[in-house]
Amino acid sequence: MRARRTLIVSRHKIFTREVFAAIPLWIELGASPGDVAAALGTTENSLRVMCSRHKVSLRPAGGFLRSVLAAEHWSVMRREAARRGLTVPQLVGDVMLAVIEDKLFVAVLGDCEDSAGTGDEEQKSCAARL
């Protein structure tokens, strides 16, 4: 008589509220949907379906940034953001705010010849560099 094999399937729930809340964070930290699926022990297709049903985006918030930055520059931004405890979009926002508040457009972009209509500080900065 042959012994019967029985496949025992785990019944624990993979997709919980906590998991759905964590998925955008994993994506923002650079994990691909495939990475997230593997970490959860499911397939990428299952992950995509479940996220779609629960309106959880698998696209990083920095999608635009990734499209305009070279891969090595994106990596630098991710490292710097992580060092500061920020996401890349938060870091970009902080940098932009500093440029605006401190009137650093000319200093950052280096376009002294176009500084004619700017503030006194920028014109002095250009004159000092020339």
Protein backbone atom coordinates (compact mmCIF):
# COMPACT_ATOMS: atom_id res chain seq x y z
CA MET A 1 0.00 0.00 0.00
CA ARG A 2 1.38 3.42 -0.95
CA ALA A 3 1.40 6.27 1.48
CA ARG A 4 -0.63 9.23 0.38
CA ARG A 5 1.15 12.55 0.20
CA THR A 6 -0.73 15.51 1.49
CA LEU A 7 0.22 19.02 0.57
CA ILE A 8 -0.33 21.37 3.46
CA VAL A 9 -0.95 24.92 2.32
CA SER A 10 -0.37 27.75 4.74
CA ARG A 11 -3.53 29.73 5.37
CA HIS A 12 -1.94 32.85 6.81
CA LYS A 13 -2.99 36.06 5.14
CA ILE A 14 -0.28 37.77 3.09
CA PHE A 15 -2.04 41.00 2.20
CA THR A 16 -2.94 42.76 5.44
CA ARG A 17 -3.56 46.45 6.10
CA GLU A 18 -0.04 46.73 7.45
CA VAL A 19 1.43 45.19 4.29
CA PHE A 20 -0.59 47.51 2.05
CA ALA A 21 0.65 50.47 4.12
CA ALA A 22 4.27 49.32 3.82
CA ILE A 23 4.30 48.64 0.06
CA PRO A 24 4.61 52.31 -1.01
CA LEU A 25 7.50 52.73 1.45
CA TRP A 26 9.33 49.72 0.00
CA ILE A 27 8.79 51.06 -3.52
CA GLU A 28 10.03 54.52 -2.52
CA LEU A 29 13.14 52.95 -1.00
CA GLY A 30 13.91 51.45 -4.39
CA ALA A 31 12.36 47.98 -4.24
CA SER A 32 10.81 46.79 -7.49
CA PRO A 33 7.37 45.16 -7.51
CA GLY A 34 9.19 41.86 -8.08
CA ASP A 35 11.32 42.47 -4.98
CA VAL A 36 8.25 43.24 -2.90
CA ALA A 37 6.42 40.15 -4.19
CA ALA A 38 9.40 37.92 -3.41
CA ALA A 39 9.68 39.36 0.10
CA LEU A 40 5.99 38.63 0.68
CA GLY A 41 6.18 35.14 -0.77
CA THR A 42 3.79 35.79 -3.64
CA THR A 43 4.01 36.42 -7.37
CA GLU A 44 4.43 39.81 -8.95
CA ASN A 45 1.14 39.37 -10.82
CA SER A 46 -0.72 38.63 -7.56
CA LEU A 47 0.88 41.67 -5.97
CA ARG A 48 -0.17 43.87 -8.90
CA VAL A 49 -3.76 42.59 -8.80
CA MET A 50 -4.12 43.03 -5.05
CA CYS A 51 -2.55 46.50 -5.10
CA SER A 52 -4.84 47.52 -7.94
CA ARG A 53 -7.90 46.30 -6.01
CA HIS A 54 -6.81 48.23 -2.92
CA LYS A 55 -5.67 51.33 -4.84
CA VAL A 56 -2.04 50.99 -3.75
CA SER A 57 0.40 52.38 -6.30
CA LEU A 58 3.45 50.37 -7.29
CA ARG A 59 5.02 53.42 -8.89
CA PRO A 60 7.58 55.40 -6.94
CA ALA A 61 6.58 58.93 -6.03
CA GLY A 62 9.79 60.08 -7.68
CA GLY A 63 8.74 58.75 -11.09
CA PHE A 64 9.34 62.09 -12.77
CA LEU A 65 12.74 62.43 -11.14
CA ARG A 66 13.78 59.01 -12.36
CA SER A 67 12.84 60.00 -15.88
CA VAL A 68 15.04 63.13 -15.88
CA LEU A 69 18.01 61.87 -13.85
CA ALA A 70 20.65 59.42 -15.02
CA ALA A 71 20.77 56.21 -12.98
CA GLU A 72 24.00 57.19 -11.20
CA HIS A 73 22.49 60.56 -10.20
CA TRP A 74 19.35 58.84 -8.93
CA SER A 75 21.55 56.59 -6.80
CA VAL A 76 23.30 59.62 -5.31
CA MET A 77 19.92 61.19 -4.50
CA ARG A 78 18.71 57.97 -2.84
CA ARG A 79 21.87 57.69 -0.72
CA GLU A 80 21.70 61.33 0.37
CA ALA A 81 18.00 61.09 1.16
CA ALA A 82 18.58 57.92 3.21
CA ARG A 83 21.47 59.58 5.05
CA ARG A 84 19.12 62.40 6.04
CA GLY A 85 16.19 60.10 6.85
CA LEU A 86 14.12 61.44 3.95
CA THR A 87 12.56 60.13 0.77
CA VAL A 88 13.99 61.38 -2.52
CA PRO A 89 10.94 63.62 -3.20
CA GLN A 90 11.32 65.13 0.30
CA LEU A 91 15.01 65.78 -0.34
CA VAL A 92 14.25 67.42 -3.69
CA GLY A 93 11.61 69.58 -2.02
CA ASP A 94 14.07 70.65 0.68
CA VAL A 95 16.73 71.50 -1.91
CA MET A 96 14.28 73.50 -4.02
CA LEU A 97 13.03 75.37 -0.97
CA ALA A 98 16.61 76.28 -0.01
CA VAL A 99 17.35 77.49 -3.57
CA ILE A 100 14.20 79.63 -3.57
CA GLU A 101 14.51 81.02 -0.03
CA ASP A 102 18.24 81.75 -0.29
CA LYS A 103 18.01 82.99 -3.91
CA LEU A 104 20.62 80.50 -5.09
CA PHE A 105 19.49 80.08 -8.70
CA VAL A 106 22.56 81.78 -10.15
CA ALA A 107 24.91 80.04 -7.72
CA VAL A 108 23.44 76.63 -8.56
CA LEU A 109 22.88 77.10 -12.28
CA GLY A 110 25.86 79.36 -12.98
CA ASP A 111 24.11 81.62 -15.48
CA CYS A 112 25.63 84.96 -14.52
CA GLU A 113 25.02 86.51 -17.93
CA ASP A 114 21.28 86.11 -17.38
CA SER A 115 21.19 87.67 -13.89
CA ALA A 116 20.24 91.15 -15.07
CA GLY A 117 16.74 91.16 -13.54
CA THR A 118 17.59 89.30 -10.36
CA GLY A 119 18.20 90.49 -6.83
CA ASP A 120 21.30 92.39 -5.64
CA GLU A 121 22.74 89.34 -3.87
CA GLU A 122 22.77 87.29 -7.06
CA GLN A 123 24.34 90.11 -9.07
CA LYS A 124 27.07 90.55 -6.42
CA SER A 125 27.67 86.80 -6.40
CA CYS A 126 28.10 86.80 -10.17
CA ALA A 127 30.41 89.79 -10.07
CA ALA A 128 32.54 88.11 -7.41
CA ARG A 129 32.89 84.97 -9.51
CA LEU A 130 33.87 86.85 -12.68
